[in-house]
Amino acid sequence: MPRYRFHIYNSVQTVDYEGKHFVNANAAREHAIKGARDLMSADLMRTGGVNLSHWIEVEDENDEITVVAFSDAVTFRSTAD
């Protein structure tokens, strides 16, 4: 299984040197989305706000990078669905 690294760019830059194995890039991206949601949830509980300009870079074994913006990890609704 390929290894993917997840570099976090929020209030500080966190470089992932170890990474994790996933079946494919889509599974790695889903992991990054969950991570972004977890980080936003923690920020919301701690500060009452979320910074949507933060992001996670998903880097594959070929050094190809896919960006997962925090804003891509949530959906906003103004009405109850």
PDB file of N, CA and C in Angstrom:
ATOM      1  N   MET A   1       0.840  -1.181   0.000  1.00  0.00           N
ATOM      2  CA  MET A   1       0.000   0.000   0.000  1.00  0.00           C
ATOM      3  C   MET A   1       0.885   1.245   0.000  1.00  0.00           C
ATOM      4  N   PRO A   2       0.471   2.260  -0.737  1.00  0.00           N
ATOM      5  CA  PRO A   2       1.256   3.496  -0.775  1.00  0.00           C
ATOM      6  C   PRO A   2       1.181   4.263   0.544  1.00  0.00           C
ATOM      7  N   ARG A   3       2.250   5.010   0.807  1.00  0.00           N
ATOM      8  CA  ARG A   3       2.325   5.844   2.008  1.00  0.00           C
ATOM      9  C   ARG A   3       2.029   7.289   1.612  1.00  0.00           C
ATOM     10  N   TYR A   4       1.243   7.953   2.452  1.00  0.00           N
ATOM     11  CA  TYR A   4       0.899   9.361   2.254  1.00  0.00           C
ATOM     12  C   TYR A   4       1.283  10.135   3.508  1.00  0.00           C
ATOM     13  N   ARG A   5       1.790  11.340   3.304  1.00  0.00           N
ATOM     14  CA  ARG A   5       2.135  12.217   4.415  1.00  0.00           C
ATOM     15  C   ARG A   5       1.156  13.392   4.432  1.00  0.00           C
ATOM     16  N   PHE A   6       0.847  13.859   5.641  1.00  0.00           N
ATOM     17  CA  PHE A   6      -0.169  14.890   5.830  1.00  0.00           C
ATOM     18  C   PHE A   6       0.459  16.091   6.534  1.00  0.00           C
ATOM     19  N   HIS A   7       0.738  17.128   5.772  1.00  0.00           N
ATOM     20  CA  HIS A   7       1.362  18.338   6.304  1.00  0.00           C
ATOM     21  C   HIS A   7       0.251  19.341   6.610  1.00  0.00           C
ATOM     22  N   ILE A   8       0.230  19.813   7.858  1.00  0.00           N
ATOM     23  CA  ILE A   8      -0.844  20.691   8.314  1.00  0.00           C
ATOM     24  C   ILE A   8      -0.356  22.136   8.330  1.00  0.00           C
ATOM     25  N   TYR A   9      -1.170  23.012   7.744  1.00  0.00           N
ATOM     26  CA  TYR A   9      -0.877  24.442   7.716  1.00  0.00           C
ATOM     27  C   TYR A   9      -2.045  25.162   8.383  1.00  0.00           C
ATOM     28  N   ASN A  10      -1.911  25.356   9.687  1.00  0.00           N
ATOM     29  CA  ASN A  10      -2.896  26.156  10.415  1.00  0.00           C
ATOM     30  C   ASN A  10      -2.132  27.244  11.147  1.00  0.00           C
ATOM     31  N   SER A  11      -2.336  27.448  12.402  1.00  0.00           N
ATOM     32  CA  SER A  11      -1.601  28.500  13.116  1.00  0.00           C
ATOM     33  C   SER A  11      -0.102  28.262  13.092  1.00  0.00           C
ATOM     34  N   VAL A  12       0.291  27.004  12.974  1.00  0.00           N
ATOM     35  CA  VAL A  12       1.689  26.609  12.826  1.00  0.00           C
ATOM     36  C   VAL A  12       1.777  25.580  11.701  1.00  0.00           C
ATOM     37  N   GLN A  13       2.954  25.390  11.166  1.00  0.00           N
ATOM     38  CA  GLN A  13       3.152  24.381  10.126  1.00  0.00           C
ATOM     39  C   GLN A  13       3.641  23.093  10.792  1.00  0.00           C
ATOM     40  N   THR A  14       2.939  21.994  10.531  1.00  0.00           N
ATOM     41  CA  THR A  14       3.318  20.693  11.071  1.00  0.00           C
ATOM     42  C   THR A  14       3.647  19.770   9.910  1.00  0.00           C
ATOM     43  N   VAL A  15       4.888  19.320   9.847  1.00  0.00           N
ATOM     44  CA  VAL A  15       5.337  18.438   8.773  1.00  0.00           C
ATOM     45  C   VAL A  15       5.234  16.991   9.248  1.00  0.00           C
ATOM     46  N   ASP A  16       4.620  16.161   8.441  1.00  0.00           N
ATOM     47  CA  ASP A  16       4.467  14.738   8.735  1.00  0.00           C
ATOM     48  C   ASP A  16       5.619  13.983   8.071  1.00  0.00           C
ATOM     49  N   TYR A  17       6.545  13.485   8.866  1.00  0.00           N
ATOM     50  CA  TYR A  17       7.696  12.764   8.326  1.00  0.00           C
ATOM     51  C   TYR A  17       7.432  11.266   8.178  1.00  0.00           C
ATOM     52  N   GLU A  18       6.483  10.737   8.934  1.00  0.00           N
ATOM     53  CA  GLU A  18       6.220   9.295   8.912  1.00  0.00           C
ATOM     54  C   GLU A  18       5.163   8.898   7.894  1.00  0.00           C
ATOM     55  N   GLY A  19       4.046   9.581   7.905  1.00  0.00           N
ATOM     56  CA  GLY A  19       2.956   9.255   7.004  1.00  0.00           C
ATOM     57  C   GLY A  19       2.189   8.028   7.445  1.00  0.00           C
ATOM     58  N   LYS A  20       1.198   7.671   6.633  1.00  0.00           N
ATOM     59  CA  LYS A  20       0.359   6.500   6.870  1.00  0.00           C
ATOM     60  C   LYS A  20       0.075   5.825   5.537  1.00  0.00           C
ATOM     61  N   HIS A  21      -0.175   4.536   5.600  1.00  0.00           N
ATOM     62  CA  HIS A  21      -0.498   3.779   4.395  1.00  0.00           C
ATOM     63  C   HIS A  21      -2.004   3.792   4.146  1.00  0.00           C
ATOM     64  N   PHE A  22      -2.357   4.013   2.886  1.00  0.00           N
ATOM     65  CA  PHE A  22      -3.753   3.964   2.461  1.00  0.00           C
ATOM     66  C   PHE A  22      -3.841   3.216   1.142  1.00  0.00           C
ATOM     67  N   VAL A  23      -4.993   2.679   0.875  1.00  0.00           N
ATOM     68  CA  VAL A  23      -5.219   1.894  -0.335  1.00  0.00           C
ATOM     69  C   VAL A  23      -4.988   2.730  -1.588  1.00  0.00           C
ATOM     70  N   ASN A  24      -5.459   3.995  -1.552  1.00  0.00           N
ATOM     71  CA  ASN A  24      -5.323   4.863  -2.720  1.00  0.00           C
ATOM     72  C   ASN A  24      -5.397   6.329  -2.295  1.00  0.00           C
ATOM     73  N   ALA A  25      -5.241   7.210  -3.260  1.00  0.00           N
ATOM     74  CA  ALA A  25      -5.239   8.648  -2.985  1.00  0.00           C
ATOM     75  C   ALA A  25      -6.580   9.125  -2.452  1.00  0.00           C
ATOM     76  N   ASN A  26      -7.667   8.529  -2.903  1.00  0.00           N
ATOM     77  CA  ASN A  26      -8.987   8.939  -2.431  1.00  0.00           C
ATOM     78  C   ASN A  26      -9.148   8.642  -0.940  1.00  0.00           C
ATOM     79  N   ALA A  27      -8.674   7.494  -0.502  1.00  0.00           N
ATOM     80  CA  ALA A  27      -8.738   7.149   0.923  1.00  0.00           C
ATOM     81  C   ALA A  27      -7.871   8.092   1.747  1.00  0.00           C
ATOM     82  N   ALA A  28      -6.714   8.469   1.222  1.00  0.00           N
ATOM     83  CA  ALA A  28      -5.838   9.415   1.913  1.00  0.00           C
ATOM     84  C   ALA A  28      -6.509  10.788   1.999  1.00  0.00           C
ATOM     85  N   ARG A  29      -7.173  11.207   0.940  1.00  0.00           N
ATOM     86  CA  ARG A  29      -7.863  12.498   0.939  1.00  0.00           C
ATOM     87  C   ARG A  29      -8.999  12.494   1.963  1.00  0.00           C
ATOM     88  N   GLU A  30      -9.744  11.407   2.046  1.00  0.00           N
ATOM     89  CA  GLU A  30     -10.816  11.296   3.040  1.00  0.00           C
ATOM     90  C   GLU A  30     -10.254  11.383   4.457  1.00  0.00           C
ATOM     91  N   HIS A  31      -9.089  10.807   4.677  1.00  0.00           N
ATOM     92  CA  HIS A  31      -8.421  10.897   5.973  1.00  0.00           C
ATOM     93  C   HIS A  31      -8.060  12.360   6.276  1.00  0.00           C
ATOM     94  N   ALA A  32      -7.586  13.087   5.287  1.00  0.00           N
ATOM     95  CA  ALA A  32      -7.247  14.501   5.464  1.00  0.00           C
ATOM     96  C   ALA A  32      -8.492  15.326   5.765  1.00  0.00           C
ATOM     97  N   ILE A  33      -9.592  15.027   5.117  1.00  0.00           N
ATOM     98  CA  ILE A  33     -10.849  15.739   5.377  1.00  0.00           C
ATOM     99  C   ILE A  33     -11.291  15.516   6.819  1.00  0.00           C
ATOM    100  N   LYS A  34     -11.221  14.280   7.285  1.00  0.00           N
ATOM    101  CA  LYS A  34     -11.569  13.985   8.680  1.00  0.00           C
ATOM    102  C   LYS A  34     -10.630  14.728   9.627  1.00  0.00           C
ATOM    103  N   GLY A  35      -9.339  14.754   9.303  1.00  0.00           N
ATOM    104  CA  GLY A  35      -8.384  15.480  10.124  1.00  0.00           C
ATOM    105  C   GLY A  35      -8.681  16.961  10.186  1.00  0.00           C
ATOM    106  N   ALA A  36      -9.036  17.540   9.046  1.00  0.00           N
ATOM    107  CA  ALA A  36      -9.389  18.965   9.000  1.00  0.00           C
ATOM    108  C   ALA A  36     -10.607  19.230   9.879  1.00  0.00           C
ATOM    109  N   ARG A  37     -11.589  18.348   9.813  1.00  0.00           N
ATOM    110  CA  ARG A  37     -12.791  18.510  10.636  1.00  0.00           C
ATOM    111  C   ARG A  37     -12.461  18.399  12.122  1.00  0.00           C
ATOM    112  N   ASP A  38     -11.598  17.465  12.465  1.00  0.00           N
ATOM    113  CA  ASP A  38     -11.177  17.314  13.864  1.00  0.00           C
ATOM    114  C   ASP A  38     -10.474  18.573  14.361  1.00  0.00           C
ATOM    115  N   LEU A  39      -9.563  19.110  13.548  1.00  0.00           N
ATOM    116  CA  LEU A  39      -8.841  20.328  13.934  1.00  0.00           C
ATOM    117  C   LEU A  39      -9.784  21.520  14.061  1.00  0.00           C
ATOM    118  N   MET A  40     -10.727  21.644  13.128  1.00  0.00           N
ATOM    119  CA  MET A  40     -11.691  22.743  13.200  1.00  0.00           C
ATOM    120  C   MET A  40     -12.574  22.613  14.431  1.00  0.00           C
ATOM    121  N   SER A  41     -12.973  21.392  14.739  1.00  0.00           N
ATOM    122  CA  SER A  41     -13.806  21.152  15.915  1.00  0.00           C
ATOM    123  C   SER A  41     -13.074  21.570  17.189  1.00  0.00           C
ATOM    124  N   ALA A  42     -11.804  21.207  17.278  1.00  0.00           N
ATOM    125  CA  ALA A  42     -11.004  21.587  18.449  1.00  0.00           C
ATOM    126  C   ALA A  42     -10.876  23.106  18.547  1.00  0.00           C
ATOM    127  N   ASP A  43     -10.643  23.773  17.413  1.00  0.00           N
ATOM    128  CA  ASP A  43     -10.552  25.242  17.406  1.00  0.00           C
ATOM    129  C   ASP A  43     -11.874  25.867  17.840  1.00  0.00           C
ATOM    130  N   LEU A  44     -12.955  25.327  17.323  1.00  0.00           N
ATOM    131  CA  LEU A  44     -14.272  25.861  17.655  1.00  0.00           C
ATOM    132  C   LEU A  44     -14.547  25.728  19.149  1.00  0.00           C
ATOM    133  N   MET A  45     -14.207  24.601  19.738  1.00  0.00           N
ATOM    134  CA  MET A  45     -14.418  24.395  21.168  1.00  0.00           C
ATOM    135  C   MET A  45     -13.503  25.295  21.999  1.00  0.00           C
ATOM    136  N   ARG A  46     -12.283  25.498  21.534  1.00  0.00           N
ATOM    137  CA  ARG A  46     -11.302  26.279  22.295  1.00  0.00           C
ATOM    138  C   ARG A  46     -11.520  27.784  22.151  1.00  0.00           C
ATOM    139  N   THR A  47     -11.799  28.253  20.929  1.00  0.00           N
ATOM    140  CA  THR A  47     -11.827  29.695  20.685  1.00  0.00           C
ATOM    141  C   THR A  47     -13.190  30.227  20.251  1.00  0.00           C
ATOM    142  N   GLY A  48     -14.093  29.327  19.882  1.00  0.00           N
ATOM    143  CA  GLY A  48     -15.394  29.765  19.391  1.00  0.00           C
ATOM    144  C   GLY A  48     -15.395  30.121  17.920  1.00  0.00           C
ATOM    145  N   GLY A  49     -14.257  29.906  17.236  1.00  0.00           N
ATOM    146  CA  GLY A  49     -14.171  30.239  15.817  1.00  0.00           C
ATOM    147  C   GLY A  49     -13.368  29.217  15.038  1.00  0.00           C
ATOM    148  N   VAL A  50     -13.462  29.319  13.724  1.00  0.00           N
ATOM    149  CA  VAL A  50     -12.756  28.426  12.810  1.00  0.00           C
ATOM    150  C   VAL A  50     -12.121  29.270  11.719  1.00  0.00           C
ATOM    151  N   ASN A  51     -10.871  28.978  11.388  1.00  0.00           N
ATOM    152  CA  ASN A  51     -10.184  29.677  10.314  1.00  0.00           C
ATOM    153  C   ASN A  51     -10.229  28.799   9.057  1.00  0.00           C
ATOM    154  N   LEU A  52     -11.028  29.195   8.082  1.00  0.00           N
ATOM    155  CA  LEU A  52     -11.207  28.396   6.866  1.00  0.00           C
ATOM    156  C   LEU A  52     -10.075  28.559   5.863  1.00  0.00           C
ATOM    157  N   SER A  53      -9.101  29.401   6.168  1.00  0.00           N
ATOM    158  CA  SER A  53      -7.972  29.558   5.254  1.00  0.00           C
ATOM    159  C   SER A  53      -6.861  28.543   5.534  1.00  0.00           C
ATOM    160  N   HIS A  54      -7.023  27.712   6.545  1.00  0.00           N
ATOM    161  CA  HIS A  54      -6.036  26.671   6.838  1.00  0.00           C
ATOM    162  C   HIS A  54      -6.197  25.510   5.856  1.00  0.00           C
ATOM    163  N   TRP A  55      -5.152  24.651   5.758  1.00  0.00           N
ATOM    164  CA  TRP A  55      -5.220  23.530   4.826  1.00  0.00           C
ATOM    165  C   TRP A  55      -4.296  22.397   5.251  1.00  0.00           C
ATOM    166  N   ILE A  56      -4.496  21.247   4.620  1.00  0.00           N
ATOM    167  CA  ILE A  56      -3.636  20.074   4.789  1.00  0.00           C
ATOM    168  C   ILE A  56      -3.132  19.680   3.408  1.00  0.00           C
ATOM    169  N   GLU A  57      -1.831  19.468   3.296  1.00  0.00           N
ATOM    170  CA  GLU A  57      -1.255  18.946   2.058  1.00  0.00           C
ATOM    171  C   GLU A  57      -1.111  17.433   2.210  1.00  0.00           C
ATOM    172  N   VAL A  58      -1.643  16.700   1.248  1.00  0.00           N
ATOM    173  CA  VAL A  58      -1.502  15.248   1.204  1.00  0.00           C
ATOM    174  C   VAL A  58      -0.421  14.953   0.168  1.00  0.00           C
ATOM    175  N   GLU A  59       0.685  14.396   0.623  1.00  0.00           N
ATOM    176  CA  GLU A  59       1.832  14.143  -0.254  1.00  0.00           C
ATOM    177  C   GLU A  59       1.992  12.642  -0.459  1.00  0.00           C
ATOM    178  N   ASP A  60       2.023  12.211  -1.713  1.00  0.00           N
ATOM    179  CA  ASP A  60       2.188  10.785  -1.994  1.00  0.00           C
ATOM    180  C   ASP A  60       3.660  10.414  -2.129  1.00  0.00           C
ATOM    181  N   GLU A  61       3.913   9.171  -2.439  1.00  0.00           N
ATOM    182  CA  GLU A  61       5.287   8.669  -2.520  1.00  0.00           C
ATOM    183  C   GLU A  61       6.077   9.258  -3.688  1.00  0.00           C
ATOM    184  N   ASN A  62       5.386   9.851  -4.644  1.00  0.00           N
ATOM    185  CA  ASN A  62       6.041  10.494  -5.788  1.00  0.00           C
ATOM    186  C   ASN A  62       6.188  11.993  -5.583  1.00  0.00           C
ATOM    187  N   ASP A  63       5.973  12.448  -4.351  1.00  0.00           N
ATOM    188  CA  ASP A  63       6.052  13.866  -3.989  1.00  0.00           C
ATOM    189  C   ASP A  63       4.965  14.717  -4.648  1.00  0.00           C
ATOM    190  N   GLU A  64       3.913  14.082  -5.141  1.00  0.00           N
ATOM    191  CA  GLU A  64       2.754  14.803  -5.679  1.00  0.00           C
ATOM    192  C   GLU A  64       1.907  15.264  -4.497  1.00  0.00           C
ATOM    193  N   ILE A  65       1.438  16.510  -4.561  1.00  0.00           N
ATOM    194  CA  ILE A  65       0.690  17.080  -3.443  1.00  0.00           C
ATOM    195  C   ILE A  65      -0.734  17.418  -3.866  1.00  0.00           C
ATOM    196  N   THR A  66      -1.669  17.029  -3.014  1.00  0.00           N
ATOM    197  CA  THR A  66      -3.068  17.408  -3.144  1.00  0.00           C
ATOM    198  C   THR A  66      -3.409  18.247  -1.925  1.00  0.00           C
ATOM    199  N   VAL A  67      -4.022  19.397  -2.143  1.00  0.00           N
ATOM    200  CA  VAL A  67      -4.373  20.285  -1.043  1.00  0.00           C
ATOM    201  C   VAL A  67      -5.827  20.054  -0.644  1.00  0.00           C
ATOM    202  N   VAL A  68      -6.030  19.898   0.656  1.00  0.00           N
ATOM    203  CA  VAL A  68      -7.374  19.824   1.216  1.00  0.00           C
ATOM    204  C   VAL A  68      -7.555  21.064   2.083  1.00  0.00           C
ATOM    205  N   ALA A  69      -8.284  22.031   1.560  1.00  0.00           N
ATOM    206  CA  ALA A  69      -8.571  23.254   2.312  1.00  0.00           C
ATOM    207  C   ALA A  69      -9.618  22.947   3.373  1.00  0.00           C
ATOM    208  N   PHE A  70      -9.484  23.581   4.523  1.00  0.00           N
ATOM    209  CA  PHE A  70     -10.475  23.374   5.577  1.00  0.00           C
ATOM    210  C   PHE A  70     -11.871  23.727   5.063  1.00  0.00           C
ATOM    211  N   SER A  71     -11.958  24.744   4.215  1.00  0.00           N
ATOM    212  CA  SER A  71     -13.254  25.156   3.676  1.00  0.00           C
ATOM    213  C   SER A  71     -13.883  24.070   2.799  1.00  0.00           C
ATOM    214  N   ASP A  72     -13.063  23.155   2.253  1.00  0.00           N
ATOM    215  CA  ASP A  72     -13.584  22.050   1.446  1.00  0.00           C
ATOM    216  C   ASP A  72     -14.108  20.907   2.309  1.00  0.00           C
ATOM    217  N   ALA A  73     -13.819  20.947   3.604  1.00  0.00           N
ATOM    218  CA  ALA A  73     -14.168  19.840   4.495  1.00  0.00           C
ATOM    219  C   ALA A  73     -15.504  20.041   5.204  1.00  0.00           C
ATOM    220  N   VAL A  74     -16.156  21.175   4.943  1.00  0.00           N
ATOM    221  CA  VAL A  74     -17.428  21.466   5.612  1.00  0.00           C
ATOM    222  C   VAL A  74     -18.441  21.980   4.608  1.00  0.00           C
ATOM    223  N   THR A  75     -19.692  21.881   4.987  1.00  0.00           N
ATOM    224  CA  THR A  75     -20.800  22.434   4.205  1.00  0.00           C
ATOM    225  C   THR A  75     -21.588  23.355   5.112  1.00  0.00           C
ATOM    226  N   PHE A  76     -21.887  24.543   4.635  1.00  0.00           N
ATOM    227  CA  PHE A  76     -22.656  25.499   5.420  1.00  0.00           C
ATOM    228  C   PHE A  76     -24.077  25.565   4.880  1.00  0.00           C
ATOM    229  N   ARG A  77     -25.012  25.576   5.802  1.00  0.00           N
ATOM    230  CA  ARG A  77     -26.434  25.676   5.429  1.00  0.00           C
ATOM    231  C   ARG A  77     -27.066  26.801   6.244  1.00  0.00           C
ATOM    232  N   SER A  78     -27.947  27.532   5.618  1.00  0.00           N
ATOM    233  CA  SER A  78     -28.652  28.584   6.353  1.00  0.00           C
ATOM    234  C   SER A  78     -30.052  28.156   6.767  1.00  0.00           C
ATOM    235  N   THR A  79     -30.459  26.960   6.306  1.00  0.00           N
ATOM    236  CA  THR A  79     -31.765  26.423   6.673  1.00  0.00           C
ATOM    237  C   THR A  79     -31.617  24.982   7.113  1.00  0.00           C
ATOM    238  N   ALA A  80     -32.562  24.497   7.852  1.00  0.00           N
ATOM    239  CA  ALA A  80     -32.539  23.094   8.277  1.00  0.00           C
ATOM    240  C   ALA A  80     -32.881  22.212   7.091  1.00  0.00           C
ATOM    241  N   ASP A  81     -32.104  21.184   6.874  1.00  0.00           N
ATOM    242  CA  ASP A  81     -32.371  20.240   5.767  1.00  0.00           C
ATOM    243  C   ASP A  81     -32.838  18.920   6.309  1.00  0.00           C
TER     244      ASP A  81
END
